[in-house]
PDB file of N, CA and C in Angstrom:
ATOM      1  N   MET A   1     -26.664 -91.177 165.960  1.00  0.00           N
ATOM      2  CA  MET A   1     -25.311 -91.487 165.573  1.00  0.00           C
ATOM      3  C   MET A   1     -24.379 -90.176 166.157  1.00  0.00           C
ATOM      4  N   SER A   2     -23.321 -90.728 166.480  1.00  0.00           N
ATOM      5  CA  SER A   2     -22.279 -89.497 166.552  1.00  0.00           C
ATOM      6  C   SER A   2     -21.304 -89.257 165.487  1.00  0.00           C
ATOM      7  N   LYS A   3     -21.256 -87.827 165.071  1.00  0.00           N
ATOM      8  CA  LYS A   3     -20.444 -87.498 164.226  1.00  0.00           C
ATOM      9  C   LYS A   3     -19.019 -87.668 164.513  1.00  0.00           C
ATOM     10  N   ASN A   4     -17.998 -87.854 163.445  1.00  0.00           N
ATOM     11  CA  ASN A   4     -16.481 -87.877 163.918  1.00  0.00           C
ATOM     12  C   ASN A   4     -16.006 -86.552 163.818  1.00  0.00           C
ATOM     13  N   VAL A   5     -15.253 -86.580 164.897  1.00  0.00           N
ATOM     14  CA  VAL A   5     -14.332 -85.246 165.203  1.00  0.00           C
ATOM     15  C   VAL A   5     -12.622 -85.637 164.846  1.00  0.00           C
ATOM     16  N   MET A   6     -12.347 -84.903 164.063  1.00  0.00           N
ATOM     17  CA  MET A   6     -10.789 -85.044 163.776  1.00  0.00           C
ATOM     18  C   MET A   6     -10.152 -83.644 163.919  1.00  0.00           C
ATOM     19  N   GLN A   7      -8.711 -83.992 163.970  1.00  0.00           N
ATOM     20  CA  GLN A   7      -7.961 -82.607 164.328  1.00  0.00           C
ATOM     21  C   GLN A   7      -6.985 -82.961 163.225  1.00  0.00           C
ATOM     22  N   GLY A   8      -6.528 -81.640 162.569  1.00  0.00           N
ATOM     23  CA  GLY A   8      -5.685 -81.514 161.477  1.00  0.00           C
ATOM     24  C   GLY A   8      -4.918 -80.273 161.223  1.00  0.00           C
ATOM     25  N   VAL A   9      -4.311 -79.977 160.010  1.00  0.00           N
ATOM     26  CA  VAL A   9      -3.640 -78.764 159.795  1.00  0.00           C
ATOM     27  C   VAL A   9      -4.034 -78.435 158.625  1.00  0.00           C
ATOM     28  N   VAL A  10      -4.355 -76.861 158.324  1.00  0.00           N
ATOM     29  CA  VAL A  10      -4.850 -76.166 157.251  1.00  0.00           C
ATOM     30  C   VAL A  10      -3.699 -76.058 156.307  1.00  0.00           C
ATOM     31  N   THR A  11      -3.738 -76.580 155.214  1.00  0.00           N
ATOM     32  CA  THR A  11      -2.766 -76.556 154.087  1.00  0.00           C
ATOM     33  C   THR A  11      -3.100 -75.766 152.871  1.00  0.00           C
ATOM     34  N   SER A  12      -4.417 -75.015 152.832  1.00  0.00           N
ATOM     35  CA  SER A  12      -4.719 -74.253 151.649  1.00  0.00           C
ATOM     36  C   SER A  12      -6.056 -73.525 152.339  1.00  0.00           C
ATOM     37  N   ASP A  13      -5.834 -72.382 152.226  1.00  0.00           N
ATOM     38  CA  ASP A  13      -6.942 -71.230 152.622  1.00  0.00           C
ATOM     39  C   ASP A  13      -7.166 -70.251 151.694  1.00  0.00           C
ATOM     40  N   LYS A  14      -7.054 -70.807 150.237  1.00  0.00           N
ATOM     41  CA  LYS A  14      -7.004 -69.807 149.154  1.00  0.00           C
ATOM     42  C   LYS A  14      -8.723 -69.703 148.527  1.00  0.00           C
ATOM     43  N   THR A  15      -9.531 -70.458 148.888  1.00  0.00           N
ATOM     44  CA  THR A  15     -10.795 -70.123 148.702  1.00  0.00           C
ATOM     45  C   THR A  15     -11.622 -69.891 149.777  1.00  0.00           C
ATOM     46  N   ALA A  16     -12.997 -68.898 149.266  1.00  0.00           N
ATOM     47  CA  ALA A  16     -13.664 -68.135 150.292  1.00  0.00           C
ATOM     48  C   ALA A  16     -14.441 -69.494 150.952  1.00  0.00           C
ATOM     49  N   LYS A  17     -14.261 -69.495 152.587  1.00  0.00           N
ATOM     50  CA  LYS A  17     -15.055 -70.318 153.366  1.00  0.00           C
ATOM     51  C   LYS A  17     -14.837 -71.881 152.992  1.00  0.00           C
ATOM     52  N   THR A  18     -13.853 -72.195 152.426  1.00  0.00           N
ATOM     53  CA  THR A  18     -13.419 -73.523 152.367  1.00  0.00           C
ATOM     54  C   THR A  18     -11.971 -73.566 152.642  1.00  0.00           C
ATOM     55  N   ARG A  19     -11.614 -74.430 153.695  1.00  0.00           N
ATOM     56  CA  ARG A  19     -10.107 -74.844 153.690  1.00  0.00           C
ATOM     57  C   ARG A  19      -9.899 -76.316 153.328  1.00  0.00           C
ATOM     58  N   ARG A  20      -8.611 -76.563 153.217  1.00  0.00           N
ATOM     59  CA  ARG A  20      -8.281 -78.141 152.881  1.00  0.00           C
ATOM     60  C   ARG A  20      -7.296 -78.268 154.005  1.00  0.00           C
ATOM     61  N   VAL A  21      -7.715 -79.493 154.692  1.00  0.00           N
ATOM     62  CA  VAL A  21      -7.140 -79.931 155.984  1.00  0.00           C
ATOM     63  C   VAL A  21      -6.620 -81.252 156.057  1.00  0.00           C
ATOM     64  N   GLU A  22      -5.209 -81.347 156.203  1.00  0.00           N
ATOM     65  CA  GLU A  22      -4.534 -82.655 156.256  1.00  0.00           C
ATOM     66  C   GLU A  22      -4.538 -83.285 157.514  1.00  0.00           C
ATOM     67  N   ILE A  23      -4.753 -84.615 157.537  1.00  0.00           N
ATOM     68  CA  ILE A  23      -5.167 -85.467 158.930  1.00  0.00           C
ATOM     69  C   ILE A  23      -3.776 -86.355 158.839  1.00  0.00           C
ATOM     70  N   PRO A  24      -2.389 -86.154 159.265  1.00  0.00           N
ATOM     71  CA  PRO A  24      -1.835 -87.313 159.287  1.00  0.00           C
ATOM     72  C   PRO A  24      -2.009 -88.581 160.134  1.00  0.00           C
ATOM     73  N   ARG A  25      -1.601 -89.696 159.783  1.00  0.00           N
ATOM     74  CA  ARG A  25      -1.727 -90.918 160.539  1.00  0.00           C
ATOM     75  C   ARG A  25      -0.669 -92.087 160.093  1.00  0.00           C
ATOM     76  N   LEU A  26      -0.595 -92.980 161.043  1.00  0.00           N
ATOM     77  CA  LEU A  26       0.371 -93.966 160.860  1.00  0.00           C
ATOM     78  C   LEU A  26      -0.322 -95.477 160.630  1.00  0.00           C
ATOM     79  N   VAL A  27      -0.091 -96.046 159.658  1.00  0.00           N
ATOM     80  CA  VAL A  27      -0.402 -97.346 159.082  1.00  0.00           C
ATOM     81  C   VAL A  27       0.443 -98.362 159.111  1.00  0.00           C
ATOM     82  N   ARG A  28       0.450 -99.600 159.697  1.00  0.00           N
ATOM     83  CA  ARG A  28       1.085-100.787 159.526  1.00  0.00           C
ATOM     84  C   ARG A  28       1.035-101.292 158.169  1.00  0.00           C
ATOM     85  N   ASP A  29       2.184-101.330 157.736  1.00  0.00           N
ATOM     86  CA  ASP A  29       2.293-102.567 156.432  1.00  0.00           C
ATOM     87  C   ASP A  29       2.264-103.798 156.839  1.00  0.00           C
ATOM     88  N   PRO A  30       1.007-104.419 156.058  1.00  0.00           N
ATOM     89  CA  PRO A  30       0.420-105.730 156.548  1.00  0.00           C
ATOM     90  C   PRO A  30       1.669-106.847 156.334  1.00  0.00           C
ATOM     91  N   LYS A  31       2.655-106.619 155.276  1.00  0.00           N
ATOM     92  CA  LYS A  31       3.589-107.745 155.018  1.00  0.00           C
ATOM     93  C   LYS A  31       4.611-107.555 155.825  1.00  0.00           C
ATOM     94  N   TYR A  32       5.546-106.166 155.669  1.00  0.00           N
ATOM     95  CA  TYR A  32       6.664-106.148 156.674  1.00  0.00           C
ATOM     96  C   TYR A  32       6.443-105.473 157.947  1.00  0.00           C
ATOM     97  N   GLY A  33       5.485-104.809 158.364  1.00  0.00           N
ATOM     98  CA  GLY A  33       5.068-104.545 159.729  1.00  0.00           C
ATOM     99  C   GLY A  33       5.599-103.283 160.051  1.00  0.00           C
ATOM    100  N   LYS A  34       6.268-102.668 158.823  1.00  0.00           N
ATOM    101  CA  LYS A  34       6.969-101.118 159.135  1.00  0.00           C
ATOM    102  C   LYS A  34       5.479-100.235 159.122  1.00  0.00           C
ATOM    103  N   TYR A  35       5.528 -99.158 159.918  1.00  0.00           N
ATOM    104  CA  TYR A  35       4.798 -98.064 160.075  1.00  0.00           C
ATOM    105  C   TYR A  35       4.944 -97.350 158.730  1.00  0.00           C
ATOM    106  N   VAL A  36       4.000 -96.889 158.020  1.00  0.00           N
ATOM    107  CA  VAL A  36       3.938 -95.646 157.055  1.00  0.00           C
ATOM    108  C   VAL A  36       3.053 -94.695 157.425  1.00  0.00           C
ATOM    109  N   ARG A  37       3.825 -93.576 157.004  1.00  0.00           N
ATOM    110  CA  ARG A  37       3.021 -92.103 157.150  1.00  0.00           C
ATOM    111  C   ARG A  37       1.947 -92.138 155.978  1.00  0.00           C
ATOM    112  N   ARG A  38       0.837 -91.733 156.463  1.00  0.00           N
ATOM    113  CA  ARG A  38      -0.158 -91.535 155.434  1.00  0.00           C
ATOM    114  C   ARG A  38      -0.786 -90.224 155.636  1.00  0.00           C
ATOM    115  N   ARG A  39      -1.866 -89.590 154.728  1.00  0.00           N
ATOM    116  CA  ARG A  39      -2.724 -88.576 155.234  1.00  0.00           C
ATOM    117  C   ARG A  39      -3.853 -88.473 154.524  1.00  0.00           C
ATOM    118  N   THR A  40      -4.952 -87.962 155.523  1.00  0.00           N
ATOM    119  CA  THR A  40      -6.139 -87.887 154.950  1.00  0.00           C
ATOM    120  C   THR A  40      -6.662 -86.460 154.479  1.00  0.00           C
ATOM    121  N   ILE A  41      -7.051 -86.433 153.669  1.00  0.00           N
ATOM    122  CA  ILE A  41      -7.123 -84.911 153.139  1.00  0.00           C
ATOM    123  C   ILE A  41      -8.735 -84.486 153.131  1.00  0.00           C
ATOM    124  N   CYS A  42      -9.237 -83.469 153.937  1.00  0.00           N
ATOM    125  CA  CYS A  42     -10.730 -83.153 153.932  1.00  0.00           C
ATOM    126  C   CYS A  42     -10.712 -81.895 153.448  1.00  0.00           C
ATOM    127  N   TYR A  43     -12.034 -81.552 152.894  1.00  0.00           N
ATOM    128  CA  TYR A  43     -12.423 -80.070 152.466  1.00  0.00           C
ATOM    129  C   TYR A  43     -13.458 -79.692 153.700  1.00  0.00           C
ATOM    130  N   VAL A  44     -13.170 -78.310 154.294  1.00  0.00           N
ATOM    131  CA  VAL A  44     -13.681 -78.016 155.450  1.00  0.00           C
ATOM    132  C   VAL A  44     -14.719 -76.836 155.185  1.00  0.00           C
ATOM    133  N   HIS A  45     -15.782 -76.603 155.794  1.00  0.00           N
ATOM    134  CA  HIS A  45     -16.355 -75.519 155.718  1.00  0.00           C
ATOM    135  C   HIS A  45     -16.079 -74.450 156.617  1.00  0.00           C
ATOM    136  N   ASP A  46     -15.707 -73.259 156.545  1.00  0.00           N
ATOM    137  CA  ASP A  46     -15.214 -72.419 157.464  1.00  0.00           C
ATOM    138  C   ASP A  46     -16.168 -71.039 157.253  1.00  0.00           C
ATOM    139  N   GLU A  47     -17.427 -70.941 157.813  1.00  0.00           N
ATOM    140  CA  GLU A  47     -18.279 -70.076 157.689  1.00  0.00           C
ATOM    141  C   GLU A  47     -17.761 -68.314 157.677  1.00  0.00           C
ATOM    142  N   ASN A  48     -16.888 -68.321 158.898  1.00  0.00           N
ATOM    143  CA  ASN A  48     -16.073 -67.073 159.025  1.00  0.00           C
ATOM    144  C   ASN A  48     -14.674 -66.743 158.577  1.00  0.00           C
ATOM    145  N   ASN A  49     -14.281 -67.625 157.979  1.00  0.00           N
ATOM    146  CA  ASN A  49     -12.883 -67.400 157.698  1.00  0.00           C
ATOM    147  C   ASN A  49     -12.016 -67.492 158.598  1.00  0.00           C
ATOM    148  N   GLU A  50     -12.242 -68.092 159.768  1.00  0.00           N
ATOM    149  CA  GLU A  50     -11.489 -67.817 160.963  1.00  0.00           C
ATOM    150  C   GLU A  50      -9.948 -68.462 161.066  1.00  0.00           C
ATOM    151  N   SER A  51      -9.813 -69.721 160.090  1.00  0.00           N
ATOM    152  CA  SER A  51      -8.826 -70.234 160.228  1.00  0.00           C
ATOM    153  C   SER A  51      -7.914 -69.947 158.907  1.00  0.00           C
ATOM    154  N   SER A  52      -6.545 -70.008 159.049  1.00  0.00           N
ATOM    155  CA  SER A  52      -5.639 -69.658 157.971  1.00  0.00           C
ATOM    156  C   SER A  52      -4.686 -70.777 157.931  1.00  0.00           C
ATOM    157  N   LEU A  53      -3.932 -70.512 156.895  1.00  0.00           N
ATOM    158  CA  LEU A  53      -2.739 -71.439 156.686  1.00  0.00           C
ATOM    159  C   LEU A  53      -1.670 -71.775 157.787  1.00  0.00           C
ATOM    160  N   GLY A  54      -1.604 -73.118 158.042  1.00  0.00           N
ATOM    161  CA  GLY A  54      -0.618 -73.505 159.240  1.00  0.00           C
ATOM    162  C   GLY A  54      -1.518 -73.771 160.383  1.00  0.00           C
ATOM    163  N   ASP A  55      -2.973 -73.586 160.568  1.00  0.00           N
ATOM    164  CA  ASP A  55      -3.392 -73.495 161.855  1.00  0.00           C
ATOM    165  C   ASP A  55      -3.635 -74.712 162.147  1.00  0.00           C
ATOM    166  N   LYS A  56      -3.953 -75.345 163.675  1.00  0.00           N
ATOM    167  CA  LYS A  56      -4.536 -76.734 163.723  1.00  0.00           C
ATOM    168  C   LYS A  56      -5.846 -76.512 164.034  1.00  0.00           C
ATOM    169  N   VAL A  57      -6.574 -77.111 163.497  1.00  0.00           N
ATOM    170  CA  VAL A  57      -8.015 -77.367 163.801  1.00  0.00           C
ATOM    171  C   VAL A  57      -8.529 -78.290 163.925  1.00  0.00           C
ATOM    172  N   GLU A  58     -10.033 -78.208 164.620  1.00  0.00           N
ATOM    173  CA  GLU A  58     -10.625 -79.141 164.670  1.00  0.00           C
ATOM    174  C   GLU A  58     -11.902 -79.333 163.821  1.00  0.00           C
ATOM    175  N   ILE A  59     -12.150 -80.493 163.258  1.00  0.00           N
ATOM    176  CA  ILE A  59     -13.406 -80.587 162.430  1.00  0.00           C
ATOM    177  C   ILE A  59     -14.342 -81.477 162.784  1.00  0.00           C
ATOM    178  N   VAL A  60     -15.586 -81.475 162.231  1.00  0.00           N
ATOM    179  CA  VAL A  60     -16.583 -82.493 162.563  1.00  0.00           C
ATOM    180  C   VAL A  60     -17.438 -82.900 160.882  1.00  0.00           C
ATOM    181  N   GLU A  61     -17.847 -83.821 161.281  1.00  0.00           N
ATOM    182  CA  GLU A  61     -18.475 -84.363 159.831  1.00  0.00           C
ATOM    183  C   GLU A  61     -19.683 -83.727 159.919  1.00  0.00           C
ATOM    184  N   SER A  62     -20.474 -83.489 158.675  1.00  0.00           N
ATOM    185  CA  SER A  62     -21.474 -82.494 158.271  1.00  0.00           C
ATOM    186  C   SER A  62     -22.124 -83.070 157.007  1.00  0.00           C
ATOM    187  N   ARG A  63     -23.276 -82.744 156.611  1.00  0.00           N
ATOM    188  CA  ARG A  63     -24.045 -83.007 155.407  1.00  0.00           C
ATOM    189  C   ARG A  63     -23.207 -82.413 154.174  1.00  0.00           C
ATOM    190  N   PRO A  64     -23.220 -83.152 153.102  1.00  0.00           N
ATOM    191  CA  PRO A  64     -22.395 -82.692 152.040  1.00  0.00           C
ATOM    192  C   PRO A  64     -22.676 -81.134 151.728  1.00  0.00           C
ATOM    193  N   ARG A  65     -21.778 -80.350 151.464  1.00  0.00           N
ATOM    194  CA  ARG A  65     -22.077 -79.041 150.914  1.00  0.00           C
ATOM    195  C   ARG A  65     -21.779 -78.978 149.639  1.00  0.00           C
ATOM    196  N   SER A  66     -20.594 -79.580 149.087  1.00  0.00           N
ATOM    197  CA  SER A  66     -20.511 -79.477 147.565  1.00  0.00           C
ATOM    198  C   SER A  66     -19.904 -80.712 147.168  1.00  0.00           C
ATOM    199  N   LYS A  67     -19.163 -81.100 146.320  1.00  0.00           N
ATOM    200  CA  LYS A  67     -18.733 -82.525 145.681  1.00  0.00           C
ATOM    201  C   LYS A  67     -17.952 -83.208 146.762  1.00  0.00           C
ATOM    202  N   LYS A  68     -16.856 -82.226 146.996  1.00  0.00           N
ATOM    203  CA  LYS A  68     -15.743 -82.668 148.124  1.00  0.00           C
ATOM    204  C   LYS A  68     -16.075 -82.125 149.624  1.00  0.00           C
ATOM    205  N   LYS A  69     -16.791 -81.343 150.006  1.00  0.00           N
ATOM    206  CA  LYS A  69     -16.733 -80.532 151.329  1.00  0.00           C
ATOM    207  C   LYS A  69     -17.891 -81.256 152.066  1.00  0.00           C
ATOM    208  N   ARG A  70     -17.326 -82.268 153.082  1.00  0.00           N
ATOM    209  CA  ARG A  70     -18.155 -82.764 153.932  1.00  0.00           C
ATOM    210  C   ARG A  70     -17.655 -83.008 155.188  1.00  0.00           C
ATOM    211  N   TRP A  71     -17.134 -81.506 155.584  1.00  0.00           N
ATOM    212  CA  TRP A  71     -16.641 -81.063 157.118  1.00  0.00           C
ATOM    213  C   TRP A  71     -16.827 -79.774 157.193  1.00  0.00           C
ATOM    214  N   GLU A  72     -17.242 -79.821 158.770  1.00  0.00           N
ATOM    215  CA  GLU A  72     -17.591 -78.177 159.164  1.00  0.00           C
ATOM    216  C   GLU A  72     -16.277 -78.046 160.305  1.00  0.00           C
ATOM    217  N   LEU A  73     -15.790 -76.482 160.246  1.00  0.00           N
ATOM    218  CA  LEU A  73     -15.009 -76.162 161.183  1.00  0.00           C
ATOM    219  C   LEU A  73     -15.567 -76.074 163.077  1.00  0.00           C
ATOM    220  N   VAL A  74     -14.873 -76.725 163.751  1.00  0.00           N
ATOM    221  CA  VAL A  74     -15.513 -76.550 164.991  1.00  0.00           C
ATOM    222  C   VAL A  74     -14.614 -75.323 165.705  1.00  0.00           C
ATOM    223  N   ARG A  75     -13.465 -75.729 165.953  1.00  0.00           N
ATOM    224  CA  ARG A  75     -12.597 -74.309 166.281  1.00  0.00           C
ATOM    225  C   ARG A  75     -11.106 -74.432 165.876  1.00  0.00           C
ATOM    226  N   VAL A  76     -10.538 -73.222 166.237  1.00  0.00           N
ATOM    227  CA  VAL A  76      -8.908 -73.338 165.810  1.00  0.00           C
ATOM    228  C   VAL A  76      -8.136 -73.728 167.248  1.00  0.00           C
ATOM    229  N   VAL A  77      -7.689 -74.952 167.195  1.00  0.00           N
ATOM    230  CA  VAL A  77      -6.914 -75.233 168.348  1.00  0.00           C
ATOM    231  C   VAL A  77      -5.829 -74.415 168.585  1.00  0.00           C
ATOM    232  N   THR A  78      -4.702 -74.229 167.628  1.00  0.00           N
ATOM    233  CA  THR A  78      -3.716 -73.418 167.765  1.00  0.00           C
ATOM    234  C   THR A  78      -3.480 -72.608 166.214  1.00  0.00           C
ATOM    235  N   LYS A  79      -3.000 -71.457 166.512  1.00  0.00           N
ATOM    236  CA  LYS A  79      -2.616 -70.601 165.474  1.00  0.00           C
ATOM    237  C   LYS A  79      -1.322 -71.218 164.929  1.00  0.00           C
ATOM    238  N   GLY A  80      -1.358 -70.962 163.527  1.00  0.00           N
ATOM    239  CA  GLY A  80       0.082 -71.350 162.777  1.00  0.00           C
ATOM    240  C   GLY A  80       0.783 -70.488 162.833  1.00  0.00           C
ATOM    241  N   THR A  81       2.188 -70.693 162.434  1.00  0.00           N
ATOM    242  CA  THR A  81       2.954 -69.590 162.162  1.00  0.00           C
ATOM    243  C   THR A  81       3.658 -69.683 160.873  1.00  0.00           C
ATOM    244  N   VAL A  82       3.485 -69.004 159.637  1.00  0.00           N
ATOM    245  CA  VAL A  82       3.914 -69.068 158.625  1.00  0.00           C
ATOM    246  C   VAL A  82       5.147 -68.032 158.534  1.00  0.00           C
ATOM    247  N   LEU A  83       6.420 -68.522 158.375  1.00  0.00           N
ATOM    248  CA  LEU A  83       7.389 -67.792 158.261  1.00  0.00           C
ATOM    249  C   LEU A  83       7.898 -67.479 156.896  1.00  0.00           C
ATOM    250  N   ASP A  84       8.339 -66.179 156.752  1.00  0.00           N
ATOM    251  CA  ASP A  84       8.649 -65.832 155.269  1.00  0.00           C
ATOM    252  C   ASP A  84      10.417 -65.769 155.657  1.00  0.00           C
ATOM    253  N   LEU A  85      10.685 -67.032 154.796  1.00  0.00           N
ATOM    254  CA  LEU A  85      12.254 -67.206 154.919  1.00  0.00           C
ATOM    255  C   LEU A  85      13.101 -66.031 154.687  1.00  0.00           C
ATOM    256  N   VAL A  86      12.878 -65.402 153.274  1.00  0.00           N
ATOM    257  CA  VAL A  86      13.405 -64.509 152.883  1.00  0.00           C
ATOM    258  C   VAL A  86      13.609 -63.169 154.096  1.00  0.00           C
ATOM    259  N   ALA A  87      12.410 -62.830 154.457  1.00  0.00           N
ATOM    260  CA  ALA A  87      12.748 -61.779 155.492  1.00  0.00           C
ATOM    261  C   ALA A  87      13.696 -62.130 156.901  1.00  0.00           C
ATOM    262  N   LEU A  88      13.108 -63.741 157.299  1.00  0.00           N
ATOM    263  CA  LEU A  88      14.056 -64.412 158.328  1.00  0.00           C
ATOM    264  C   LEU A  88      15.483 -64.082 158.139  1.00  0.00           C
ATOM    265  N   ARG A  89      15.967 -64.697 156.982  1.00  0.00           N
ATOM    266  CA  ARG A  89      17.628 -64.599 156.701  1.00  0.00           C
ATOM    267  C   ARG A  89      17.957 -63.132 156.695  1.00  0.00           C
ATOM    268  N   ALA A  90      17.371 -62.275 156.036  1.00  0.00           N
ATOM    269  CA  ALA A  90      17.585 -60.721 155.978  1.00  0.00           C
ATOM    270  C   ALA A  90      17.905 -60.207 157.603  1.00  0.00           C
ATOM    271  N   ALA A  91      16.901 -60.668 158.261  1.00  0.00           N
ATOM    272  CA  ALA A  91      16.983 -59.919 159.665  1.00  0.00           C
ATOM    273  C   ALA A  91      18.351 -60.802 160.173  1.00  0.00           C
ATOM    274  N   GLN A  92      18.364 -61.819 160.212  1.00  0.00           N
ATOM    275  CA  GLN A  92      19.541 -62.830 160.742  1.00  0.00           C
ATOM    276  C   GLN A  92      20.620 -62.102 160.263  1.00  0.00           C
ATOM    277  N   LYS A  93      20.836 -61.795 159.057  1.00  0.00           N
ATOM    278  CA  LYS A  93      22.110 -61.065 158.296  1.00  0.00           C
ATOM    279  C   LYS A  93      22.445 -59.804 159.140  1.00  0.00           C
ATOM    280  N   VAL A  94      21.474 -59.021 159.539  1.00  0.00           N
ATOM    281  CA  VAL A  94      21.432 -57.913 159.677  1.00  0.00           C
ATOM    282  C   VAL A  94      22.035 -57.918 161.407  1.00  0.00           C
ATOM    283  N   GLN A  95      21.474 -58.812 162.024  1.00  0.00           N
ATOM    284  CA  GLN A  95      21.898 -59.030 163.546  1.00  0.00           C
ATOM    285  C   GLN A  95      23.253 -59.507 163.295  1.00  0.00           C
ATOM    286  N   ASP A  96      23.771 -60.370 162.335  1.00  0.00           N
ATOM    287  CA  ASP A  96      24.872 -61.039 162.706  1.00  0.00           C
ATOM    288  C   ASP A  96      26.285 -59.738 162.402  1.00  0.00           C
ATOM    289  N   GLU A  97      25.755 -59.004 161.472  1.00  0.00           N
ATOM    290  CA  GLU A  97      26.668 -58.035 161.162  1.00  0.00           C
ATOM    291  C   GLU A  97      26.698 -57.087 162.342  1.00  0.00           C
ATOM    292  N   GLY A  98      25.542 -56.632 162.986  1.00  0.00           N
ATOM    293  CA  GLY A  98      25.805 -55.948 164.160  1.00  0.00           C
ATOM    294  C   GLY A  98      26.410 -56.569 165.122  1.00  0.00           C
ATOM    295  N   SER A  99      26.299 -57.844 165.507  1.00  0.00           N
ATOM    296  CA  SER A  99      27.209 -58.458 166.499  1.00  0.00           C
ATOM    297  C   SER A  99      28.915 -58.187 165.978  1.00  0.00           C
ATOM    298  N   ALA A 100      29.117 -58.660 164.607  1.00  0.00           N
ATOM    299  CA  ALA A 100      30.336 -58.164 164.454  1.00  0.00           C
ATOM    300  C   ALA A 100      31.118 -57.038 164.814  1.00  0.00           C
ATOM    301  N   ASP A 101      30.086 -55.921 164.408  1.00  0.00           N
ATOM    302  CA  ASP A 101      30.682 -54.576 164.554  1.00  0.00           C
ATOM    303  C   ASP A 101      30.764 -54.479 166.092  1.00  0.00           C
ATOM    304  N   ASN A 102      30.081 -54.986 166.873  1.00  0.00           N
ATOM    305  CA  ASN A 102      30.164 -54.801 168.590  1.00  0.00           C
ATOM    306  C   ASN A 102      31.607 -55.375 168.811  1.00  0.00           C
ATOM    307  N   ALA A 103      31.987 -56.604 168.393  1.00  0.00           N
ATOM    308  CA  ALA A 103      33.105 -57.354 168.584  1.00  0.00           C
ATOM    309  C   ALA A 103      34.179 -56.485 168.464  1.00  0.00           C
ATOM    310  N   GLU A 104      34.354 -56.046 167.128  1.00  0.00           N
ATOM    311  CA  GLU A 104      35.343 -55.081 166.678  1.00  0.00           C
ATOM    312  C   GLU A 104      35.601 -54.034 167.945  1.00  0.00           C
ATOM    313  N   LEU A 105      34.622 -53.492 167.972  1.00  0.00           N
ATOM    314  CA  LEU A 105      34.718 -52.425 169.132  1.00  0.00           C
ATOM    315  C   LEU A 105      35.317 -52.632 170.183  1.00  0.00           C
ATOM    316  N   GLY A 106      34.741 -53.790 170.806  1.00  0.00           N
ATOM    317  CA  GLY A 106      35.266 -54.272 171.945  1.00  0.00           C
ATOM    318  C   GLY A 106      36.838 -54.814 172.105  1.00  0.00           C
ATOM    319  N   ASP A 107      37.222 -54.820 170.584  1.00  0.00           N
ATOM    320  CA  ASP A 107      38.607 -55.535 170.837  1.00  0.00           C
ATOM    321  C   ASP A 107      39.719 -54.471 170.766  1.00  0.00           C
ATOM    322  N   SER A 108      39.318 -53.532 170.506  1.00  0.00           N
ATOM    323  CA  SER A 108      40.228 -52.147 169.998  1.00  0.00           C
ATOM    324  C   SER A 108      40.522 -51.263 171.837  1.00  0.00           C
ATOM    325  N   PRO A 109      41.836 -50.860 171.820  1.00  0.00           N
ATOM    326  CA  PRO A 109      42.230 -50.344 173.010  1.00  0.00           C
ATOM    327  C   PRO A 109      41.443 -49.099 173.476  1.00  0.00           C
TER     328      PRO A 109
END
């Protein structure tokens, strides 16, 4: 019997050796035919704590390790980028002020 292999995004990495992975999917409504977004949440065993928040990972079915944990991490497909919005805005503000100062210097004779 082959094991299911899925890809999803890590949404929580707060616990040791456990990750919460969301797998998005589209389901067609039987009555109206409209496609609706759904998600499957899997708890994944990550032995070496390789993955982190925002990473796209590949997981495979395994034996039950706890009440909810039934998947194992195969590999990290792509590393996620978690942005610190406060730091990003502060850096952009500094950059904007610097470009405004340069523009003022260029206008003077």
